[in-house]
Amino acid sequence: MTDVANHIGVSRATVSYAFTSPGRLSPDMLSRVRAAVDELGYVRNTVARQLRVGRSQAIAFIVSNASNPHYGELALGAGDEAARTGHVVLIADSHENLDREREFIAFFAEQRVAGIMIAPIGEVPPELLDLQERGTPFVLVGVPPSPQAYPSISGDNVVGGYLATRHLIDQGRRRLLVVGGTHLNVDSRREGARRALAELGGEGAIEFIEVERQTAALGEDVARRLLARGRDLPDGIFAGNDLLALGMLNVLIKAGVAVPEQVSLVGYDDIEFAGFAIVPLTTIRHPSDIVGASGVRMILGEEEHSHGVEPRFAPKLVIRGTSLPG
């Protein structure tokens, strides 16, 4: 670092800012430092830095299933916000495996990361609570299972579930089906669906199907089981996420079911693929990039939070081809 500073006639602090707080330097100065770094082949010794400051510049993001594009969109927002302060986001996929989730927590604890964002498989792992007590912050991505002394970030899933179901009801749909996983976020979406149906005062019916994982493959499986009933199809389906919805859509279309004329379908998350389906998917959108950025700011102590009460980000209904205008 001293060699780089001497090479262009600046202080060591200026070189340090180029790595840790690039926003503190003018674009011209940042460009000069980076050019000198490239010319001299300087590589920062992060191990030495961790020994000095006690933390790395990495923020961990542990997800339950990286194949869900929703987590990728959260990670993009988190990564952009982390880069603003010279941090990086490392993504780890537990793949719905509790043992792997615990192994990642232990690994990141050993690496002394600046903090952990986590979309857990179920309850908040006790190892995370222990880690928090030792000074490593974490943020739950989703709904906390009960009021606890830790922060969380989430869209308002109850409102999102209500908007999706209300949209189906406004189209005249009365034989409703809600398909979703076992996550607490999805429980909140089911609650929103119940509230929307309750406004009908007893008119209409709603069925709930729970799946182990919210994947396109399981969505296809649910649709096949529905088709096996014969004519007893729901006329409105609300899926717990877009992957489930897209899997169901694929099977229904192939079977000759007219979507949305016979069956209206609404997903959740508004992943990029939703708008490119053979029939573009109506869905619920949360500002995933903003949610991810908020999590990073909480970890870095730049955004306040209330323990046990997650900041809620307003959902929005995005109407496309799988539902009627209403």
C-alpha atoms as a PDB file:
ATOM      1  CA  MET A   1       0.000   0.000   0.000  1.00  0.00           C
ATOM      2  CA  THR A   2       2.886   2.333   0.767  1.00  0.00           C
ATOM      3  CA  ASP A   3       4.424   1.555  -2.639  1.00  0.00           C
ATOM      4  CA  VAL A   4       1.165   2.443  -4.385  1.00  0.00           C
ATOM      5  CA  ALA A   5       0.864   5.688  -2.374  1.00  0.00           C
ATOM      6  CA  ASN A   6       4.481   6.702  -3.141  1.00  0.00           C
ATOM      7  CA  HIS A   7       4.085   5.820  -6.806  1.00  0.00           C
ATOM      8  CA  ILE A   8       1.397   8.449  -7.379  1.00  0.00           C
ATOM      9  CA  GLY A   9       2.248  10.827  -4.516  1.00  0.00           C
ATOM     10  CA  VAL A  10      -0.762  10.313  -2.238  1.00  0.00           C
ATOM     11  CA  SER A  11      -1.245   9.141   1.347  1.00  0.00           C
ATOM     12  CA  ARG A  12      -1.722   5.529   2.440  1.00  0.00           C
ATOM     13  CA  ALA A  13      -5.177   6.538   3.631  1.00  0.00           C
ATOM     14  CA  THR A  14      -6.144   7.518   0.079  1.00  0.00           C
ATOM     15  CA  VAL A  15      -5.120   4.086  -1.189  1.00  0.00           C
ATOM     16  CA  SER A  16      -7.043   2.465   1.653  1.00  0.00           C
ATOM     17  CA  TYR A  17     -10.174   4.451   0.777  1.00  0.00           C
ATOM     18  CA  ALA A  18      -9.990   3.149  -2.784  1.00  0.00           C
ATOM     19  CA  PHE A  19     -10.621  -0.340  -1.389  1.00  0.00           C
ATOM     20  CA  THR A  20     -12.814   0.304   1.621  1.00  0.00           C
ATOM     21  CA  SER A  21     -14.709   3.544   0.925  1.00  0.00           C
ATOM     22  CA  PRO A  22     -14.379   4.393  -2.776  1.00  0.00           C
ATOM     23  CA  GLY A  23     -17.199   6.934  -2.502  1.00  0.00           C
ATOM     24  CA  ARG A  24     -14.876   9.175  -0.453  1.00  0.00           C
ATOM     25  CA  LEU A  25     -12.576   9.718  -3.445  1.00  0.00           C
ATOM     26  CA  SER A  26     -13.174  11.757  -6.568  1.00  0.00           C
ATOM     27  CA  PRO A  27     -13.551   9.715  -9.772  1.00  0.00           C
ATOM     28  CA  ASP A  28     -10.202  11.032 -10.991  1.00  0.00           C
ATOM     29  CA  MET A  29      -8.361  10.074  -7.792  1.00  0.00           C
ATOM     30  CA  LEU A  30     -10.015   6.659  -7.682  1.00  0.00           C
ATOM     31  CA  SER A  31      -8.956   6.069 -11.288  1.00  0.00           C
ATOM     32  CA  ARG A  32      -5.343   7.080 -10.493  1.00  0.00           C
ATOM     33  CA  VAL A  33      -5.140   4.737  -7.504  1.00  0.00           C
ATOM     34  CA  ARG A  34      -6.603   1.806  -9.431  1.00  0.00           C
ATOM     35  CA  ALA A  35      -4.223   2.389 -12.335  1.00  0.00           C
ATOM     36  CA  ALA A  36      -1.263   2.350  -9.930  1.00  0.00           C
ATOM     37  CA  VAL A  37      -2.563  -0.810  -8.278  1.00  0.00           C
ATOM     38  CA  ASP A  38      -2.757  -2.516 -11.677  1.00  0.00           C
ATOM     39  CA  GLU A  39       0.663  -1.260 -12.730  1.00  0.00           C
ATOM     40  CA  LEU A  40       2.390  -2.438  -9.549  1.00  0.00           C
ATOM     41  CA  GLY A  41       0.407  -5.659  -9.211  1.00  0.00           C
ATOM     42  CA  TYR A  42      -0.648  -4.818  -5.665  1.00  0.00           C
ATOM     43  CA  VAL A  43      -3.070  -7.250  -4.009  1.00  0.00           C
ATOM     44  CA  ARG A  44      -4.482  -6.269  -0.639  1.00  0.00           C
ATOM     45  CA  ASN A  45      -3.758  -8.714   2.193  1.00  0.00           C
ATOM     46  CA  THR A  46      -7.271  -9.268   3.536  1.00  0.00           C
ATOM     47  CA  VAL A  47      -6.045 -11.704   6.186  1.00  0.00           C
ATOM     48  CA  ALA A  48      -3.866  -8.995   7.691  1.00  0.00           C
ATOM     49  CA  ARG A  49      -6.722  -6.533   7.496  1.00  0.00           C
ATOM     50  CA  GLN A  50      -9.059  -8.928   9.323  1.00  0.00           C
ATOM     51  CA  LEU A  51      -6.501  -9.331  12.088  1.00  0.00           C
ATOM     52  CA  ARG A  52      -6.327  -5.564  12.429  1.00  0.00           C
ATOM     53  CA  VAL A  53     -10.007  -4.589  12.249  1.00  0.00           C
ATOM     54  CA  GLY A  54     -11.602  -7.866  13.378  1.00  0.00           C
ATOM     55  CA  ARG A  55     -13.975  -8.207  10.408  1.00  0.00           C
ATOM     56  CA  SER A  56     -13.779  -8.999   6.722  1.00  0.00           C
ATOM     57  CA  GLN A  57     -15.378  -6.906   3.993  1.00  0.00           C
ATOM     58  CA  ALA A  58     -17.686  -9.790   3.110  1.00  0.00           C
ATOM     59  CA  ILE A  59     -21.392 -10.051   3.896  1.00  0.00           C
ATOM     60  CA  ALA A  60     -22.834 -13.552   3.677  1.00  0.00           C
ATOM     61  CA  PHE A  61     -26.224 -14.293   2.127  1.00  0.00           C
ATOM     62  CA  ILE A  62     -27.479 -17.818   2.885  1.00  0.00           C
ATOM     63  CA  VAL A  63     -30.507 -18.844   0.811  1.00  0.00           C
ATOM     64  CA  SER A  64     -32.659 -21.957   1.019  1.00  0.00           C
ATOM     65  CA  ASN A  65     -32.765 -22.567  -2.735  1.00  0.00           C
ATOM     66  CA  ALA A  66     -30.595 -20.585  -5.159  1.00  0.00           C
ATOM     67  CA  SER A  67     -32.560 -21.923  -8.147  1.00  0.00           C
ATOM     68  CA  ASN A  68     -35.316 -19.462  -7.197  1.00  0.00           C
ATOM     69  CA  PRO A  69     -34.559 -16.274  -9.200  1.00  0.00           C
ATOM     70  CA  HIS A  70     -36.181 -14.201  -6.448  1.00  0.00           C
ATOM     71  CA  TYR A  71     -33.094 -14.713  -4.283  1.00  0.00           C
ATOM     72  CA  GLY A  72     -30.883 -13.656  -7.172  1.00  0.00           C
ATOM     73  CA  GLU A  73     -32.789 -10.384  -7.449  1.00  0.00           C
ATOM     74  CA  LEU A  74     -32.434  -9.808  -3.705  1.00  0.00           C
ATOM     75  CA  ALA A  75     -28.715 -10.522  -4.010  1.00  0.00           C
ATOM     76  CA  LEU A  76     -28.320  -7.971  -6.818  1.00  0.00           C
ATOM     77  CA  GLY A  77     -29.785  -5.227  -4.648  1.00  0.00           C
ATOM     78  CA  ALA A  78     -27.662  -6.327  -1.703  1.00  0.00           C
ATOM     79  CA  GLY A  79     -24.512  -6.494  -3.835  1.00  0.00           C
ATOM     80  CA  ASP A  80     -24.970  -3.009  -5.267  1.00  0.00           C
ATOM     81  CA  GLU A  81     -25.490  -1.555  -1.799  1.00  0.00           C
ATOM     82  CA  ALA A  82     -22.505  -3.454  -0.368  1.00  0.00           C
ATOM     83  CA  ALA A  83     -20.229  -2.209  -3.160  1.00  0.00           C
ATOM     84  CA  ARG A  84     -21.021   1.367  -2.157  1.00  0.00           C
ATOM     85  CA  THR A  85     -19.062   0.824   1.065  1.00  0.00           C
ATOM     86  CA  GLY A  86     -16.361  -1.461  -0.315  1.00  0.00           C
ATOM     87  CA  HIS A  87     -18.065  -4.690   0.804  1.00  0.00           C
ATOM     88  CA  VAL A  88     -18.964  -7.779  -1.206  1.00  0.00           C
ATOM     89  CA  VAL A  89     -21.851 -10.230  -0.866  1.00  0.00           C
ATOM     90  CA  LEU A  90     -21.111 -13.961  -0.833  1.00  0.00           C
ATOM     91  CA  ILE A  91     -24.045 -16.259  -1.644  1.00  0.00           C
ATOM     92  CA  ALA A  92     -24.372 -19.765  -0.220  1.00  0.00           C
ATOM     93  CA  ASP A  93     -27.152 -22.221  -1.096  1.00  0.00           C
ATOM     94  CA  SER A  94     -28.300 -24.583   1.669  1.00  0.00           C
ATOM     95  CA  HIS A  95     -30.529 -26.355  -0.887  1.00  0.00           C
ATOM     96  CA  GLU A  96     -33.217 -26.978   1.729  1.00  0.00           C
ATOM     97  CA  ASN A  97     -30.717 -28.932   3.851  1.00  0.00           C
ATOM     98  CA  LEU A  98     -30.576 -27.989   7.547  1.00  0.00           C
ATOM     99  CA  ASP A  99     -27.141 -29.539   8.080  1.00  0.00           C
ATOM    100  CA  ARG A 100     -25.708 -27.597   5.172  1.00  0.00           C
ATOM    101  CA  GLU A 101     -27.294 -24.404   6.502  1.00  0.00           C
ATOM    102  CA  ARG A 102     -25.555 -24.887   9.848  1.00  0.00           C
ATOM    103  CA  GLU A 103     -22.245 -25.659   8.118  1.00  0.00           C
ATOM    104  CA  PHE A 104     -22.431 -22.398   6.191  1.00  0.00           C
ATOM    105  CA  ILE A 105     -23.149 -20.438   9.374  1.00  0.00           C
ATOM    106  CA  ALA A 106     -20.115 -22.010  11.048  1.00  0.00           C
ATOM    107  CA  PHE A 107     -17.935 -21.349   7.998  1.00  0.00           C
ATOM    108  CA  PHE A 108     -18.892 -17.695   7.750  1.00  0.00           C
ATOM    109  CA  ALA A 109     -18.378 -17.280  11.487  1.00  0.00           C
ATOM    110  CA  GLU A 110     -14.815 -18.573  11.050  1.00  0.00           C
ATOM    111  CA  GLN A 111     -14.284 -16.123   8.193  1.00  0.00           C
ATOM    112  CA  ARG A 112     -15.426 -13.297  10.483  1.00  0.00           C
ATOM    113  CA  VAL A 113     -17.822 -11.837   7.943  1.00  0.00           C
ATOM    114  CA  ALA A 114     -19.285  -8.397   8.564  1.00  0.00           C
ATOM    115  CA  GLY A 115     -22.734  -9.941   8.924  1.00  0.00           C
ATOM    116  CA  ILE A 116     -25.135 -12.553   7.588  1.00  0.00           C
ATOM    117  CA  MET A 117     -28.361 -12.223   5.645  1.00  0.00           C
ATOM    118  CA  ILE A 118     -30.331 -15.457   5.689  1.00  0.00           C
ATOM    119  CA  ALA A 119     -33.471 -16.900   4.152  1.00  0.00           C
ATOM    120  CA  PRO A 120     -33.659 -19.942   6.451  1.00  0.00           C
ATOM    121  CA  ILE A 121     -35.323 -23.255   5.712  1.00  0.00           C
ATOM    122  CA  GLY A 122     -37.442 -23.048   8.849  1.00  0.00           C
ATOM    123  CA  GLU A 123     -36.901 -21.458  12.232  1.00  0.00           C
ATOM    124  CA  VAL A 124     -33.989 -19.123  12.800  1.00  0.00           C
ATOM    125  CA  PRO A 125     -31.022 -21.409  13.582  1.00  0.00           C
ATOM    126  CA  PRO A 126     -29.856 -21.098  17.207  1.00  0.00           C
ATOM    127  CA  GLU A 127     -26.271 -20.864  15.943  1.00  0.00           C
ATOM    128  CA  LEU A 128     -27.159 -17.489  14.441  1.00  0.00           C
ATOM    129  CA  LEU A 129     -28.522 -16.217  17.725  1.00  0.00           C
ATOM    130  CA  ASP A 130     -25.286 -17.287  19.435  1.00  0.00           C
ATOM    131  CA  LEU A 131     -23.277 -15.565  16.713  1.00  0.00           C
ATOM    132  CA  GLN A 132     -25.253 -12.373  17.193  1.00  0.00           C
ATOM    133  CA  GLU A 133     -24.490 -12.386  20.912  1.00  0.00           C
ATOM    134  CA  ARG A 134     -20.797 -12.556  20.019  1.00  0.00           C
ATOM    135  CA  GLY A 135     -21.064  -9.437  17.881  1.00  0.00           C
ATOM    136  CA  THR A 136     -21.825 -10.620  14.338  1.00  0.00           C
ATOM    137  CA  PRO A 137     -25.115  -9.080  13.145  1.00  0.00           C
ATOM    138  CA  PHE A 138     -27.601 -10.963  11.021  1.00  0.00           C
ATOM    139  CA  VAL A 139     -30.820 -10.100   9.218  1.00  0.00           C
ATOM    140  CA  LEU A 140     -33.631 -12.531   8.545  1.00  0.00           C
ATOM    141  CA  VAL A 141     -34.990 -12.387   5.002  1.00  0.00           C
ATOM    142  CA  GLY A 142     -38.657 -13.129   5.541  1.00  0.00           C
ATOM    143  CA  VAL A 143     -41.174 -13.108   8.345  1.00  0.00           C
ATOM    144  CA  PRO A 144     -39.931 -13.813  11.886  1.00  0.00           C
ATOM    145  CA  PRO A 145     -41.705 -16.807  13.453  1.00  0.00           C
ATOM    146  CA  SER A 146     -42.455 -14.794  16.584  1.00  0.00           C
ATOM    147  CA  PRO A 147     -41.417 -11.467  18.120  1.00  0.00           C
ATOM    148  CA  GLN A 148     -37.706 -11.900  18.790  1.00  0.00           C
ATOM    149  CA  ALA A 149     -34.705  -9.675  19.394  1.00  0.00           C
ATOM    150  CA  TYR A 150     -33.415  -9.745  15.821  1.00  0.00           C
ATOM    151  CA  PRO A 151     -34.116  -7.710  12.701  1.00  0.00           C
ATOM    152  CA  SER A 152     -35.820  -8.947   9.559  1.00  0.00           C
ATOM    153  CA  ILE A 153     -36.746  -7.650   6.122  1.00  0.00           C
ATOM    154  CA  SER A 154     -39.818  -8.644   4.208  1.00  0.00           C
ATOM    155  CA  GLY A 155     -42.505  -7.464   1.902  1.00  0.00           C
ATOM    156  CA  ASP A 156     -46.016  -7.379   3.352  1.00  0.00           C
ATOM    157  CA  ASN A 157     -46.994 -10.926   2.475  1.00  0.00           C
ATOM    158  CA  VAL A 158     -50.470 -10.701   4.015  1.00  0.00           C
ATOM    159  CA  VAL A 159     -51.306  -7.761   1.764  1.00  0.00           C
ATOM    160  CA  GLY A 160     -49.716  -9.563  -1.187  1.00  0.00           C
ATOM    161  CA  GLY A 161     -51.858 -12.644  -0.619  1.00  0.00           C
ATOM    162  CA  TYR A 162     -54.919 -10.457  -0.282  1.00  0.00           C
ATOM    163  CA  LEU A 163     -54.202  -8.603  -3.541  1.00  0.00           C
ATOM    164  CA  ALA A 164     -53.715 -11.829  -5.481  1.00  0.00           C
ATOM    165  CA  THR A 165     -56.913 -13.446  -4.183  1.00  0.00           C
ATOM    166  CA  ARG A 166     -58.982 -10.270  -4.420  1.00  0.00           C
ATOM    167  CA  HIS A 167     -57.964 -10.009  -8.073  1.00  0.00           C
ATOM    168  CA  LEU A 168     -59.249 -13.543  -8.722  1.00  0.00           C
ATOM    169  CA  ILE A 169     -62.490 -12.787  -6.884  1.00  0.00           C
ATOM    170  CA  ASP A 170     -62.996  -9.579  -8.862  1.00  0.00           C
ATOM    171  CA  GLN A 171     -62.931 -11.685 -12.017  1.00  0.00           C
ATOM    172  CA  GLY A 172     -65.839 -13.716 -10.703  1.00  0.00           C
ATOM    173  CA  ARG A 173     -63.708 -16.659  -9.620  1.00  0.00           C
ATOM    174  CA  ARG A 174     -65.304 -18.551  -6.738  1.00  0.00           C
ATOM    175  CA  ARG A 175     -63.638 -22.006  -6.729  1.00  0.00           C
ATOM    176  CA  LEU A 176     -60.241 -20.911  -5.495  1.00  0.00           C
ATOM    177  CA  LEU A 177     -57.064 -22.865  -4.900  1.00  0.00           C
ATOM    178  CA  VAL A 178     -53.964 -21.664  -3.028  1.00  0.00           C
ATOM    179  CA  VAL A 179     -50.798 -23.727  -3.568  1.00  0.00           C
ATOM    180  CA  GLY A 180     -47.725 -22.977  -1.469  1.00  0.00           C
ATOM    181  CA  GLY A 181     -44.798 -24.226   0.556  1.00  0.00           C
ATOM    182  CA  THR A 182     -44.142 -24.462   4.263  1.00  0.00           C
ATOM    183  CA  HIS A 183     -42.342 -21.143   4.738  1.00  0.00           C
ATOM    184  CA  LEU A 184     -43.685 -18.489   7.090  1.00  0.00           C
ATOM    185  CA  ASN A 185     -43.847 -16.013   4.211  1.00  0.00           C
ATOM    186  CA  VAL A 186     -46.281 -18.321   2.446  1.00  0.00           C
ATOM    187  CA  ASP A 187     -48.330 -18.732   5.626  1.00  0.00           C
ATOM    188  CA  SER A 188     -48.815 -14.958   5.590  1.00  0.00           C
ATOM    189  CA  ARG A 189     -49.883 -15.093   1.937  1.00  0.00           C
ATOM    190  CA  ARG A 190     -52.462 -17.745   2.818  1.00  0.00           C
ATOM    191  CA  GLU A 191     -53.760 -15.487   5.579  1.00  0.00           C
ATOM    192  CA  GLY A 192     -54.189 -12.691   3.058  1.00  0.00           C
ATOM    193  CA  ALA A 193     -56.109 -15.071   0.784  1.00  0.00           C
ATOM    194  CA  ARG A 194     -58.441 -16.005   3.654  1.00  0.00           C
ATOM    195  CA  ARG A 195     -59.125 -12.336   4.380  1.00  0.00           C
ATOM    196  CA  ALA A 196     -60.054 -11.681   0.764  1.00  0.00           C
ATOM    197  CA  LEU A 197     -62.439 -14.653   0.674  1.00  0.00           C
ATOM    198  CA  ALA A 198     -64.019 -13.615   3.988  1.00  0.00           C
ATOM    199  CA  GLU A 199     -65.195 -10.390   2.345  1.00  0.00           C
ATOM    200  CA  LEU A 200     -67.574 -12.469   0.202  1.00  0.00           C
ATOM    201  CA  GLY A 201     -69.582 -13.350   3.294  1.00  0.00           C
ATOM    202  CA  GLY A 202     -69.685 -17.090   2.687  1.00  0.00           C
ATOM    203  CA  GLU A 203     -69.908 -17.032  -1.097  1.00  0.00           C
ATOM    204  CA  GLY A 204     -67.178 -19.071  -2.767  1.00  0.00           C
ATOM    205  CA  ALA A 205     -64.737 -21.654  -1.441  1.00  0.00           C
ATOM    206  CA  ILE A 206     -60.992 -21.909  -1.090  1.00  0.00           C
ATOM    207  CA  GLU A 207     -58.793 -25.021  -1.019  1.00  0.00           C
ATOM    208  CA  PHE A 208     -55.209 -25.128   0.218  1.00  0.00           C
ATOM    209  CA  ILE A 209     -52.530 -27.489  -1.084  1.00  0.00           C
ATOM    210  CA  GLU A 210     -49.172 -27.516   0.694  1.00  0.00           C
ATOM    211  CA  VAL A 211     -46.025 -28.582  -1.135  1.00  0.00           C
ATOM    212  CA  GLU A 212     -42.641 -29.437   0.305  1.00  0.00           C
ATOM    213  CA  ARG A 213     -40.732 -27.081  -1.994  1.00  0.00           C
ATOM    214  CA  GLN A 214     -41.868 -24.265  -4.256  1.00  0.00           C
ATOM    215  CA  THR A 215     -40.325 -25.419  -7.540  1.00  0.00           C
ATOM    216  CA  ALA A 216     -41.609 -25.556 -11.108  1.00  0.00           C
ATOM    217  CA  ALA A 217     -41.413 -29.358 -11.030  1.00  0.00           C
ATOM    218  CA  LEU A 218     -43.714 -29.564  -8.014  1.00  0.00           C
ATOM    219  CA  GLY A 219     -46.023 -27.054  -9.678  1.00  0.00           C
ATOM    220  CA  GLU A 220     -46.286 -29.417 -12.621  1.00  0.00           C
ATOM    221  CA  ASP A 221     -47.041 -32.297 -10.250  1.00  0.00           C
ATOM    222  CA  VAL A 222     -49.863 -30.359  -8.558  1.00  0.00           C
ATOM    223  CA  ALA A 223     -51.384 -29.492 -11.933  1.00  0.00           C
ATOM    224  CA  ARG A 224     -51.344 -33.131 -13.006  1.00  0.00           C
ATOM    225  CA  ARG A 225     -53.158 -34.099  -9.820  1.00  0.00           C
ATOM    226  CA  LEU A 226     -55.762 -31.413 -10.473  1.00  0.00           C
ATOM    227  CA  LEU A 227     -56.307 -32.666 -14.013  1.00  0.00           C
ATOM    228  CA  ALA A 228     -56.754 -36.206 -12.699  1.00  0.00           C
ATOM    229  CA  ARG A 229     -59.883 -34.993 -10.889  1.00  0.00           C
ATOM    230  CA  GLY A 230     -61.612 -34.586 -14.231  1.00  0.00           C
ATOM    231  CA  ARG A 231     -63.962 -31.616 -14.432  1.00  0.00           C
ATOM    232  CA  ASP A 232     -63.495 -30.544 -10.804  1.00  0.00           C
ATOM    233  CA  LEU A 233     -60.926 -27.851 -11.595  1.00  0.00           C
ATOM    234  CA  PRO A 234     -60.632 -24.617  -9.627  1.00  0.00           C
ATOM    235  CA  ASP A 235     -61.382 -21.525 -11.676  1.00  0.00           C
ATOM    236  CA  GLY A 236     -58.826 -19.376  -9.831  1.00  0.00           C
ATOM    237  CA  ILE A 237     -55.359 -20.432  -8.626  1.00  0.00           C
ATOM    238  CA  PHE A 238     -52.954 -18.450  -6.450  1.00  0.00           C
ATOM    239  CA  ALA A 239     -49.460 -19.963  -6.300  1.00  0.00           C
ATOM    240  CA  GLY A 240     -47.026 -19.263  -3.475  1.00  0.00           C
ATOM    241  CA  ASN A 241     -44.326 -18.193  -5.918  1.00  0.00           C
ATOM    242  CA  ASP A 242     -43.784 -17.753  -9.645  1.00  0.00           C
ATOM    243  CA  LEU A 243     -41.891 -21.028 -10.096  1.00  0.00           C
ATOM    244  CA  LEU A 244     -44.876 -23.002  -8.818  1.00  0.00           C
ATOM    245  CA  ALA A 245     -47.201 -20.961 -11.016  1.00  0.00           C
ATOM    246  CA  LEU A 246     -45.083 -21.442 -14.139  1.00  0.00           C
ATOM    247  CA  GLY A 247     -44.899 -25.195 -13.579  1.00  0.00           C
ATOM    248  CA  MET A 248     -48.682 -25.374 -13.245  1.00  0.00           C
ATOM    249  CA  LEU A 249     -49.172 -23.154 -16.294  1.00  0.00           C
ATOM    250  CA  ASN A 250     -47.003 -25.438 -18.421  1.00  0.00           C
ATOM    251  CA  VAL A 251     -49.061 -28.550 -17.628  1.00  0.00           C
ATOM    252  CA  LEU A 252     -52.439 -26.812 -17.891  1.00  0.00           C
ATOM    253  CA  ILE A 253     -51.665 -25.333 -21.320  1.00  0.00           C
ATOM    254  CA  LYS A 254     -50.395 -28.673 -22.644  1.00  0.00           C
ATOM    255  CA  ALA A 255     -53.579 -30.351 -21.406  1.00  0.00           C
ATOM    256  CA  GLY A 256     -55.722 -27.907 -23.380  1.00  0.00           C
ATOM    257  CA  VAL A 257     -56.978 -25.882 -20.401  1.00  0.00           C
ATOM    258  CA  ALA A 258     -57.674 -22.313 -21.495  1.00  0.00           C
ATOM    259  CA  VAL A 259     -55.787 -19.834 -19.313  1.00  0.00           C
ATOM    260  CA  PRO A 260     -57.270 -17.433 -18.278  1.00  0.00           C
ATOM    261  CA  GLU A 261     -60.693 -18.225 -19.783  1.00  0.00           C
ATOM    262  CA  GLN A 262     -61.202 -21.430 -17.770  1.00  0.00           C
ATOM    263  CA  VAL A 263     -58.630 -20.950 -15.032  1.00  0.00           C
ATOM    264  CA  SER A 264     -57.058 -17.688 -13.911  1.00  0.00           C
ATOM    265  CA  LEU A 265     -53.579 -17.995 -12.409  1.00  0.00           C
ATOM    266  CA  VAL A 266     -51.598 -15.622 -10.178  1.00  0.00           C
ATOM    267  CA  GLY A 267     -48.022 -16.127  -8.983  1.00  0.00           C
ATOM    268  CA  TYR A 268     -45.788 -14.299  -6.524  1.00  0.00           C
ATOM    269  CA  ASP A 269     -42.392 -12.476  -6.706  1.00  0.00           C
ATOM    270  CA  ASP A 270     -42.457 -11.252 -10.333  1.00  0.00           C
ATOM    271  CA  ILE A 271     -39.235 -13.005 -11.318  1.00  0.00           C
ATOM    272  CA  GLU A 272     -37.828 -12.101 -14.734  1.00  0.00           C
ATOM    273  CA  PHE A 273     -39.214 -15.271 -16.361  1.00  0.00           C
ATOM    274  CA  ALA A 274     -42.785 -14.377 -15.353  1.00  0.00           C
ATOM    275  CA  GLY A 275     -43.217 -11.907 -18.182  1.00  0.00           C
ATOM    276  CA  PHE A 276     -41.779 -14.291 -20.799  1.00  0.00           C
ATOM    277  CA  ALA A 277     -44.000 -17.326 -20.190  1.00  0.00           C
ATOM    278  CA  ILE A 278     -46.071 -18.726 -23.070  1.00  0.00           C
ATOM    279  CA  VAL A 279     -48.925 -16.850 -21.389  1.00  0.00           C
ATOM    280  CA  PRO A 280     -47.311 -13.994 -19.423  1.00  0.00           C
ATOM    281  CA  LEU A 281     -47.885 -14.532 -15.710  1.00  0.00           C
ATOM    282  CA  THR A 282     -49.951 -12.257 -13.492  1.00  0.00           C
ATOM    283  CA  THR A 283     -48.064 -11.958 -10.216  1.00  0.00           C
ATOM    284  CA  ILE A 284     -47.316  -9.970  -7.075  1.00  0.00           C
ATOM    285  CA  ARG A 285     -44.191  -7.834  -7.095  1.00  0.00           C
ATOM    286  CA  HIS A 286     -42.065  -6.742  -4.157  1.00  0.00           C
ATOM    287  CA  PRO A 287     -39.141  -4.347  -4.737  1.00  0.00           C
ATOM    288  CA  SER A 288     -36.556  -7.112  -4.315  1.00  0.00           C
ATOM    289  CA  ASP A 289     -33.543  -4.899  -5.002  1.00  0.00           C
ATOM    290  CA  ILE A 290     -34.678  -2.379  -2.385  1.00  0.00           C
ATOM    291  CA  VAL A 291     -35.311  -5.166   0.141  1.00  0.00           C
ATOM    292  CA  GLY A 292     -31.826  -6.611  -0.418  1.00  0.00           C
ATOM    293  CA  ALA A 293     -30.188  -3.201  -0.092  1.00  0.00           C
ATOM    294  CA  SER A 294     -32.075  -2.572   3.142  1.00  0.00           C
ATOM    295  CA  GLY A 295     -30.680  -5.796   4.611  1.00  0.00           C
ATOM    296  CA  VAL A 296     -27.115  -4.691   3.915  1.00  0.00           C
ATOM    297  CA  ARG A 297     -27.687  -1.284   5.484  1.00  0.00           C
ATOM    298  CA  MET A 298     -29.057  -2.961   8.625  1.00  0.00           C
ATOM    299  CA  ILE A 299     -25.977  -5.161   8.898  1.00  0.00           C
ATOM    300  CA  LEU A 300     -23.669  -2.177   8.475  1.00  0.00           C
ATOM    301  CA  GLY A 301     -25.623  -0.163  11.051  1.00  0.00           C
ATOM    302  CA  GLU A 302     -26.726   2.425   8.484  1.00  0.00           C
ATOM    303  CA  GLU A 303     -30.449   1.731   8.797  1.00  0.00           C
ATOM    304  CA  GLU A 304     -32.445   1.489  11.986  1.00  0.00           C
ATOM    305  CA  HIS A 305     -34.810  -1.358  12.679  1.00  0.00           C
ATOM    306  CA  SER A 306     -37.196  -2.442  15.387  1.00  0.00           C
ATOM    307  CA  HIS A 307     -36.324  -5.814  16.851  1.00  0.00           C
ATOM    308  CA  GLY A 308     -39.018  -8.375  16.167  1.00  0.00           C
ATOM    309  CA  VAL A 309     -40.926  -6.099  13.769  1.00  0.00           C
ATOM    310  CA  GLU A 310     -39.796  -6.403  10.161  1.00  0.00           C
ATOM    311  CA  PRO A 311     -39.850  -3.421   7.832  1.00  0.00           C
ATOM    312  CA  ARG A 312     -42.583  -4.077   5.286  1.00  0.00           C
ATOM    313  CA  PHE A 313     -42.297  -3.195   1.631  1.00  0.00           C
ATOM    314  CA  ALA A 314     -45.580  -2.622  -0.177  1.00  0.00           C
ATOM    315  CA  PRO A 315     -46.498  -5.278  -2.772  1.00  0.00           C
ATOM    316  CA  LYS A 316     -48.007  -4.497  -6.162  1.00  0.00           C
ATOM    317  CA  LEU A 317     -50.313  -6.545  -8.382  1.00  0.00           C
ATOM    318  CA  VAL A 318     -48.871  -6.948 -11.897  1.00  0.00           C
ATOM    319  CA  ILE A 319     -51.643  -8.024 -14.282  1.00  0.00           C
ATOM    320  CA  ARG A 320     -50.613 -10.035 -17.340  1.00  0.00           C
ATOM    321  CA  GLY A 321     -52.100 -12.724 -19.551  1.00  0.00           C
ATOM    322  CA  THR A 322     -52.866 -15.489 -17.047  1.00  0.00           C
ATOM    323  CA  SER A 323     -55.717 -13.521 -15.524  1.00  0.00           C
ATOM    324  CA  LEU A 324     -58.579 -11.441 -16.823  1.00  0.00           C
ATOM    325  CA  PRO A 325     -58.478  -7.667 -16.262  1.00  0.00           C
ATOM    326  CA  GLY A 326     -61.067  -7.848 -13.468  1.00  0.00           C
END
